[in-house]
Protein backbone atom coordinates (compact mmCIF):
# COMPACT_ATOMS: atom_id res chain seq x y z
CA UNK A 1 -117.61 -93.51 63.70
CA UNK A 2 -114.34 -92.80 61.96
CA UNK A 3 -110.85 -94.02 62.61
CA UNK A 4 -107.34 -93.31 61.42
CA UNK A 5 -106.24 -93.96 57.85
CA UNK A 6 -102.95 -95.62 57.04
CA UNK A 7 -101.14 -96.62 53.89
CA UNK A 8 -101.67 -100.24 54.91
CA UNK A 9 -105.43 -100.21 54.38
CA UNK A 10 -105.33 -102.88 51.65
CA UNK A 11 -102.97 -104.99 53.78
CA UNK A 12 -105.51 -104.66 56.57
CA UNK A 13 -108.21 -106.07 54.30
CA UNK A 14 -106.06 -109.05 53.33
CA UNK A 15 -105.13 -109.70 56.97
CA UNK A 16 -108.76 -109.48 57.94
CA UNK A 17 -109.74 -112.08 55.35
CA UNK A 18 -107.01 -114.44 56.62
CA UNK A 19 -108.27 -114.09 60.19
CA UNK A 20 -111.76 -115.07 59.04
CA UNK A 21 -110.63 -118.65 58.43
CA UNK A 22 -109.77 -119.10 62.11
CA UNK A 23 -112.61 -117.21 63.74
CA UNK A 24 -116.15 -117.89 64.92
CA UNK A 25 -118.54 -116.60 62.27
CA UNK A 26 -122.17 -115.47 62.42
CA UNK A 27 -124.48 -114.63 59.54
CA UNK A 28 -126.66 -111.64 60.40
CA UNK A 29 -130.26 -111.46 59.25
CA UNK A 30 -129.45 -108.16 57.51
CA UNK A 31 -126.80 -109.80 55.33
CA UNK A 32 -123.69 -108.88 57.34
CA UNK A 33 -121.16 -111.54 58.24
CA UNK A 34 -119.71 -111.11 61.72
CA UNK A 35 -116.40 -112.68 62.74
CA UNK A 36 -115.29 -113.08 66.35
CA UNK A 37 -111.60 -112.22 66.10
CA UNK A 38 -108.96 -112.59 68.80
CA UNK A 39 -108.68 -109.18 70.45
CA UNK A 40 -104.92 -109.15 69.83
CA UNK A 41 -105.38 -109.84 66.11
CA UNK A 42 -107.92 -107.13 65.34
CA UNK A 43 -107.35 -104.77 62.37
CA UNK A 44 -106.27 -101.90 64.65
CA UNK A 45 -102.82 -103.41 64.93
CA UNK A 46 -102.17 -103.15 61.20
CA UNK A 47 -101.44 -99.50 61.90
CA UNK A 48 -97.63 -99.00 61.89
CA UNK A 49 -97.77 -96.93 65.10
CA UNK A 50 -99.55 -99.74 66.93
CA UNK A 51 -97.36 -102.74 66.16
CA UNK A 52 -96.23 -103.03 69.79
CA UNK A 53 -99.28 -101.46 71.38
CA UNK A 54 -100.46 -102.82 74.73
CA UNK A 55 -104.25 -102.99 74.90
CA UNK A 56 -105.83 -100.88 77.63
CA UNK A 57 -108.88 -102.86 78.76
CA UNK A 58 -110.30 -100.11 80.98
CA UNK A 59 -109.61 -96.40 81.55
CA UNK A 60 -107.16 -95.68 84.33
CA UNK A 61 -109.96 -93.68 85.96
CA UNK A 62 -113.56 -92.78 85.15
CA UNK A 63 -114.38 -89.04 85.08
CA UNK A 64 -117.20 -87.75 87.23
CA UNK A 65 -120.49 -88.63 85.57
CA UNK A 66 -119.05 -91.61 83.69
CA UNK A 67 -119.77 -95.00 85.17
CA UNK A 68 -118.08 -98.36 84.86
CA UNK A 69 -120.06 -101.06 83.07
CA UNK A 70 -123.21 -102.08 84.92
CA UNK A 71 -126.58 -103.64 84.16
CA UNK A 72 -128.15 -101.43 81.55
CA UNK A 73 -130.71 -101.08 78.81
CA UNK A 74 -129.04 -102.95 75.96
CA UNK A 75 -129.09 -101.99 72.32
CA UNK A 76 -129.75 -104.78 69.85
CA UNK A 77 -127.88 -105.66 66.69
CA UNK A 78 -129.38 -108.15 64.19
CA UNK A 79 -126.47 -110.60 64.45
CA UNK A 80 -127.29 -111.10 68.14
CA UNK A 81 -130.16 -113.35 67.02
CA UNK A 82 -127.61 -115.95 65.95
CA UNK A 83 -125.11 -115.72 68.78
CA UNK A 84 -122.55 -113.63 70.63
CA UNK A 85 -118.78 -113.40 70.60
CA UNK A 86 -116.90 -114.90 73.55
CA UNK A 87 -114.75 -112.87 75.89
CA UNK A 88 -111.27 -112.33 74.53
CA UNK A 89 -112.57 -111.70 71.02
CA UNK A 90 -114.09 -108.69 69.29
CA UNK A 91 -116.87 -108.84 66.66
CA UNK A 92 -115.74 -107.55 63.27
CA UNK A 93 -118.08 -106.93 60.35
CA UNK A 94 -116.59 -108.67 57.33
CA UNK A 95 -115.66 -106.28 54.53
CA UNK A 96 -117.99 -106.64 51.54
CA UNK A 97 -117.24 -105.93 47.90
CA UNK A 98 -119.61 -102.97 48.05
CA UNK A 99 -117.55 -101.41 50.86
CA UNK A 100 -114.37 -101.60 48.79
CA UNK A 101 -116.03 -100.33 45.63
CA UNK A 102 -117.52 -97.39 47.47
CA UNK A 103 -114.18 -96.39 48.98
CA UNK A 104 -112.32 -96.76 45.68
CA UNK A 105 -114.87 -94.94 43.57
CA UNK A 106 -115.32 -91.96 45.89
CA UNK A 107 -111.77 -90.96 46.79
CA UNK A 108 -112.82 -88.31 49.27
CA UNK A 109 -115.52 -90.38 50.96
CA UNK A 110 -115.63 -89.44 54.62
CA UNK A 111 -113.09 -86.62 54.48
CA UNK A 112 -113.67 -83.36 56.29
CA UNK A 113 -112.79 -79.77 55.58
CA UNK A 114 -109.02 -79.23 55.91
CA UNK A 115 -108.96 -75.46 55.90
CA UNK A 116 -108.92 -74.97 59.66
CA UNK A 117 -112.20 -73.05 59.67
CA UNK A 118 -115.33 -73.47 61.74
CA UNK A 119 -118.58 -74.51 60.13
CA UNK A 120 -119.90 -70.96 60.30
CA UNK A 121 -117.03 -69.96 57.99
CA UNK A 122 -117.39 -72.74 55.44
CA UNK A 123 -117.50 -71.57 51.84
CA UNK A 124 -117.97 -73.38 48.57
CA UNK A 125 -114.45 -72.83 47.28
CA UNK A 126 -111.95 -75.44 48.42
CA UNK A 127 -108.29 -74.52 48.69
CA UNK A 128 -105.87 -75.58 45.96
CA UNK A 129 -108.68 -76.84 43.75
CA UNK A 130 -108.98 -79.92 45.94
CA UNK A 131 -112.50 -81.29 46.10
CA UNK A 132 -112.23 -82.36 49.76
CA UNK A 133 -115.51 -81.48 51.40
CA UNK A 134 -117.49 -80.91 48.23
CA UNK A 135 -120.94 -82.37 48.57
CA UNK A 136 -120.82 -82.51 52.38
CA UNK A 137 -123.67 -80.71 54.10
CA UNK A 138 -124.09 -80.24 57.84
CA UNK A 139 -126.63 -79.22 60.45
CA UNK A 140 -124.53 -78.86 63.60
CA UNK A 141 -124.18 -77.32 67.03
CA UNK A 142 -120.67 -76.32 68.11
CA UNK A 143 -119.22 -75.19 71.43
CA UNK A 144 -117.20 -72.05 71.92
CA UNK A 145 -113.43 -72.46 71.66
CA UNK A 146 -111.99 -73.83 74.90
CA UNK A 147 -110.28 -76.96 76.22
CA UNK A 148 -112.46 -80.06 76.18
CA UNK A 149 -111.77 -83.59 77.33
CA UNK A 150 -115.05 -85.19 76.40
CA UNK A 151 -118.48 -84.93 74.81
CA UNK A 152 -121.74 -86.74 75.48
CA UNK A 153 -125.29 -86.89 74.08
CA UNK A 154 -128.40 -88.99 73.63
CA UNK A 155 -128.86 -89.50 69.89
CA UNK A 156 -132.17 -90.44 68.31
CA UNK A 157 -131.96 -93.55 66.09
CA UNK A 158 -133.58 -93.23 62.66
CA UNK A 159 -133.31 -94.94 59.29
CA UNK A 160 -132.97 -92.10 56.75
CA UNK A 161 -133.39 -92.89 53.08
CA UNK A 162 -130.03 -92.75 51.32
CA UNK A 163 -129.62 -92.69 47.55
CA UNK A 164 -126.79 -93.86 45.33
CA UNK A 165 -123.39 -93.52 46.96
CA UNK A 166 -124.53 -90.86 49.44
CA UNK A 167 -124.36 -91.31 53.19
CA UNK A 168 -126.24 -89.81 56.12
CA UNK A 169 -125.05 -89.79 59.72
CA UNK A 170 -125.47 -88.39 63.21
CA UNK A 171 -122.21 -87.70 64.98
CA UNK A 172 -120.26 -86.22 67.88
CA UNK A 173 -117.06 -84.52 66.68
CA UNK A 174 -114.01 -83.97 68.88
CA UNK A 175 -112.04 -81.26 67.13
CA UNK A 176 -108.56 -79.79 67.41
CA UNK A 177 -107.62 -76.54 65.68
CA UNK A 178 -103.90 -75.90 65.51
CA UNK A 179 -101.48 -74.26 63.08
CA UNK A 180 -104.29 -73.55 60.60
CA UNK A 181 -105.14 -77.23 60.33
CA UNK A 182 -108.42 -78.59 61.51
CA UNK A 183 -107.93 -82.13 62.85
CA UNK A 184 -110.47 -84.69 63.92
CA UNK A 185 -109.95 -87.18 66.69
CA UNK A 186 -111.25 -89.80 64.29
CA UNK A 187 -108.36 -89.53 61.86
CA UNK A 188 -107.57 -86.02 60.63
CA UNK A 189 -108.88 -85.20 57.13
CA UNK A 190 -107.92 -88.56 55.60
CA UNK A 191 -109.80 -90.95 57.83
CA UNK A 192 -112.52 -93.45 57.07
CA UNK A 193 -115.50 -94.87 58.88
CA UNK A 194 -115.90 -97.74 61.31
CA UNK A 195 -113.00 -100.21 61.00
CA UNK A 196 -112.34 -99.61 57.30
CA UNK A 197 -108.92 -98.28 58.32
CA UNK A 198 -106.74 -99.45 61.18
CA UNK A 199 -106.32 -97.42 64.36
CA UNK A 200 -109.39 -97.76 66.60
CA UNK A 201 -108.75 -100.37 69.31
CA UNK A 202 -111.93 -102.29 70.10
CA UNK A 203 -112.32 -103.89 73.53
CA UNK A 204 -116.01 -104.84 73.60
CA UNK A 205 -117.15 -108.31 72.55
CA UNK A 206 -120.79 -107.20 72.54
CA UNK A 207 -121.22 -104.79 69.64
CA UNK A 208 -120.06 -104.62 66.04
CA UNK A 209 -118.62 -101.27 64.99
CA UNK A 210 -120.48 -100.38 61.80
CA UNK A 211 -123.30 -102.87 62.34
CA UNK A 212 -127.01 -102.07 62.27
CA UNK A 213 -128.81 -101.38 65.55
CA UNK A 214 -132.43 -101.54 66.64
CA UNK A 215 -135.06 -100.59 67.47
CA UNK A 216 -135.60 -97.52 65.32
CA UNK A 217 -137.58 -94.38 66.03
CA UNK A 218 -140.96 -94.18 64.30
CA UNK A 219 -142.35 -90.94 62.87
CA UNK A 220 -145.18 -89.88 65.19
CA UNK A 221 -144.63 -92.99 67.32
CA UNK A 222 -142.06 -94.67 69.54
CA UNK A 223 -138.77 -92.82 69.88
CA UNK A 224 -135.51 -94.67 70.51
CA UNK A 225 -132.15 -93.14 71.37
CA UNK A 226 -128.68 -94.32 72.26
CA UNK A 227 -126.27 -92.61 74.63
CA UNK A 228 -122.67 -92.08 73.58
CA UNK A 229 -119.82 -90.37 75.32
CA UNK A 230 -116.20 -89.77 74.33
CA UNK A 231 -113.67 -88.90 77.01
CA UNK A 232 -109.93 -88.73 77.37
CA UNK A 233 -107.99 -90.86 79.82
CA UNK A 234 -105.63 -88.18 81.14
CA UNK A 235 -103.09 -90.77 82.24
CA UNK A 236 -102.66 -92.54 78.88
CA UNK A 237 -103.97 -89.89 76.48
CA UNK A 238 -106.33 -92.43 74.92
CA UNK A 239 -109.80 -91.24 73.91
CA UNK A 240 -112.52 -93.70 74.92
CA UNK A 241 -115.81 -94.34 73.16
CA UNK A 242 -118.59 -95.54 75.43
CA UNK A 243 -122.18 -96.53 74.68
CA UNK A 244 -124.13 -95.77 77.84
CA UNK A 245 -122.04 -97.83 80.29
CA UNK A 246 -120.38 -100.17 77.79
CA UNK A 247 -116.82 -99.36 76.75
CA UNK A 248 -116.51 -100.00 73.02
CA UNK A 249 -112.84 -99.09 72.56
CA UNK A 250 -110.49 -96.16 72.15
CA UNK A 251 -108.41 -94.07 69.78
CA UNK A 252 -104.81 -94.35 71.07
CA UNK A 253 -103.37 -90.97 71.98
CA UNK A 254 -100.14 -91.91 70.20
CA UNK A 255 -101.89 -91.65 66.82
CA UNK A 256 -102.26 -87.88 67.10
CA UNK A 257 -100.27 -86.16 69.87
CA UNK A 258 -102.03 -82.85 69.11
CA UNK A 259 -104.95 -84.12 71.19
CA UNK A 260 -102.81 -84.79 74.27
CA UNK A 261 -103.89 -81.51 75.87
CA UNK A 262 -107.56 -81.86 75.00
CA UNK A 263 -109.68 -80.66 72.09
CA UNK A 264 -110.72 -77.13 71.11
CA UNK A 265 -114.33 -77.83 70.16
CA UNK A 266 -117.05 -80.39 70.63
CA UNK A 267 -119.65 -80.50 67.87
CA UNK A 268 -122.89 -82.41 67.49
CA UNK A 269 -125.26 -82.92 64.60
CA UNK A 270 -125.97 -84.42 61.22
CA UNK A 271 -124.06 -84.74 57.98
CA UNK A 272 -124.81 -86.04 54.50
CA UNK A 273 -122.75 -86.28 51.35
CA UNK A 274 -124.33 -85.52 47.99
CA UNK A 275 -122.30 -87.88 45.81
CA UNK A 276 -123.40 -86.08 42.64
CA UNK A 277 -121.58 -82.99 43.86
CA UNK A 278 -118.67 -85.03 45.21
CA UNK A 279 -118.24 -86.69 41.81
CA UNK A 280 -118.67 -83.37 40.03
CA UNK A 281 -121.50 -84.74 37.88
CA UNK A 282 -123.95 -81.99 38.80
CA UNK A 283 -127.69 -82.52 38.61
CA UNK A 284 -130.42 -81.71 41.16
CA UNK A 285 -129.82 -81.78 44.89
CA UNK A 286 -129.85 -85.24 46.43
CA UNK A 287 -133.00 -86.58 48.09
CA UNK A 288 -130.93 -88.31 50.77
CA UNK A 289 -132.49 -87.62 54.14
CA UNK A 290 -130.82 -86.36 57.29
CA UNK A 291 -132.19 -87.57 60.61
CA UNK A 292 -135.85 -88.50 60.26
CA UNK A 293 -136.09 -86.78 56.88
CA UNK A 294 -138.23 -84.04 58.44
CA UNK A 295 -137.36 -80.47 59.37
CA UNK A 296 -136.76 -79.52 63.03
CA UNK A 297 -139.88 -77.36 63.12
CA UNK A 298 -142.01 -80.50 63.30
CA UNK A 299 -140.69 -81.08 66.81
CA UNK A 300 -140.69 -84.03 69.17
CA UNK A 301 -141.62 -87.41 67.75
CA UNK A 302 -141.22 -86.26 64.18
CA UNK A 303 -137.88 -84.51 63.83
CA UNK A 304 -134.61 -86.21 64.82
CA UNK A 305 -133.04 -84.96 68.04
CA UNK A 306 -129.89 -84.87 70.13
CA UNK A 307 -130.64 -84.39 73.83
CA UNK A 308 -128.74 -84.11 77.11
CA UNK A 309 -125.76 -82.46 75.43
CA UNK A 310 -122.77 -82.40 77.76
CA UNK A 311 -119.07 -81.58 77.63
CA UNK A 312 -116.12 -82.14 79.94
CA UNK A 313 -113.76 -79.18 80.30
CA UNK A 314 -110.65 -78.26 82.28
CA UNK A 315 -112.23 -77.81 85.70
CA UNK A 316 -112.31 -81.60 86.23
CA UNK A 317 -115.91 -81.57 87.44
CA UNK A 318 -117.02 -84.20 84.94
CA UNK A 319 -119.68 -83.85 82.27
CA UNK A 320 -121.92 -80.79 82.37
CA UNK A 321 -124.19 -78.82 80.06
CA UNK A 322 -122.30 -76.71 77.51
CA UNK A 323 -122.61 -72.95 77.32
CA UNK A 324 -122.63 -70.46 74.41
CA UNK A 325 -123.46 -72.92 71.66
CA UNK A 326 -123.63 -71.89 68.02
CA UNK A 327 -125.73 -73.56 65.33
CA UNK A 328 -124.84 -73.85 61.69
CA UNK A 329 -126.67 -75.19 58.67
CA UNK A 330 -125.10 -74.56 55.29
CA UNK A 331 -128.34 -75.13 53.35
CA UNK A 332 -131.24 -74.74 55.84
CA UNK A 333 -133.84 -75.16 53.12
CA UNK A 334 -132.46 -78.70 52.62
CA UNK A 335 -131.39 -79.56 56.19
CA UNK A 336 -131.86 -77.34 59.23
CA UNK A 337 -131.25 -77.26 62.99
CA UNK A 338 -133.00 -75.71 65.99
CA UNK A 339 -131.30 -75.48 69.40
CA UNK A 340 -133.44 -75.63 72.54
CA UNK A 341 -132.89 -75.52 76.30
CA UNK A 342 -135.28 -76.91 78.86
CA UNK A 343 -135.53 -77.67 82.55
CA UNK A 344 -136.90 -81.13 81.74
CA UNK A 345 -134.76 -84.26 81.54
CA UNK A 346 -133.91 -83.38 77.93
CA UNK A 347 -131.42 -80.78 79.16
CA UNK A 348 -129.74 -78.90 76.29
CA UNK A 349 -131.08 -80.38 73.05
CA UNK A 350 -131.78 -79.70 69.43
CA UNK A 351 -133.86 -80.93 66.54
CA UNK A 352 -132.20 -81.26 63.17
CA UNK A 353 -132.50 -82.77 59.71
CA UNK A 354 -134.54 -82.54 56.57
CA UNK A 355 -135.60 -84.28 53.36
CA UNK A 356 -132.94 -82.93 51.03
CA UNK A 357 -134.42 -82.12 47.65
CA UNK A 358 -137.77 -80.28 47.83
CA UNK A 359 -139.39 -77.25 46.23
CA UNK A 360 -137.05 -74.93 48.13
CA UNK A 361 -134.01 -77.18 47.71
CA UNK A 362 -133.91 -77.88 43.95
């Protein structure tokens, strides 16, 4: 997940470290340190537009097909073995030296294409000799242009091998195209991931944004997925992030008024960054995996999948299956995608991913 960038990022880090001294702290078995921070002192409020922000604890209304929090199948995070954060606090993963070094050394880490073009139009040349987007590869499904107020999917959970300073992710994009600028709900073209920048307001005390989750899917074995939806509160303009029936938090509508009238596209799929290309050092294609590290042709249980794709549009009928989807893979011999439709409980779904470097992807 990405959130909005601000010039006060370093101040946010310093503030975060000061809060640590006063917070409950848990050491996770995977090496993360989790701090339970007062909800009113979370890093979101380092953003200059949120200094006087009033926290919205719940949406003003739930759209059709979106339920309030109930008893549910819980996801697990390793730090849960050592405790939980109390109500009135939010769990924050403590920034590590490696996080800062990665952000400093790769200046365009996490940035998206700024040209205002759809994935099917992406080309290698980047405007004004800027290297934004270089090294990013996608295997995605995108809706037709319309007005959208939410997106939803079940996303398979895998542990792809990642090399060097690469990354690999599965993601739902909420996209606005206006005045030849392609904006993302998660922070335009200058955002960063998780809570590395201020802006996303967390309300859940249960889950760490940016923390590991389990269990994982197993190639040829047990498959595990998590359900995410993003929807706009039409009364406040805030965009909520929900895991199944647990509200995690929201992107305040005040951070980007362009999204007040909804988004133009909803996109789903995988993305990697080849840091060798991003750095301009050349060399062979990265071996960083997308999804399970296997191509979509291997099918269920072996290839990574998104299932039960849904969108929420202007007719106010809640979430429903999208129509007229388009797939795009920039380098299908490295990472590919295959869209399917079924009458089973998978609904609209697709397989995606790949191993990266191979005999056809040198």
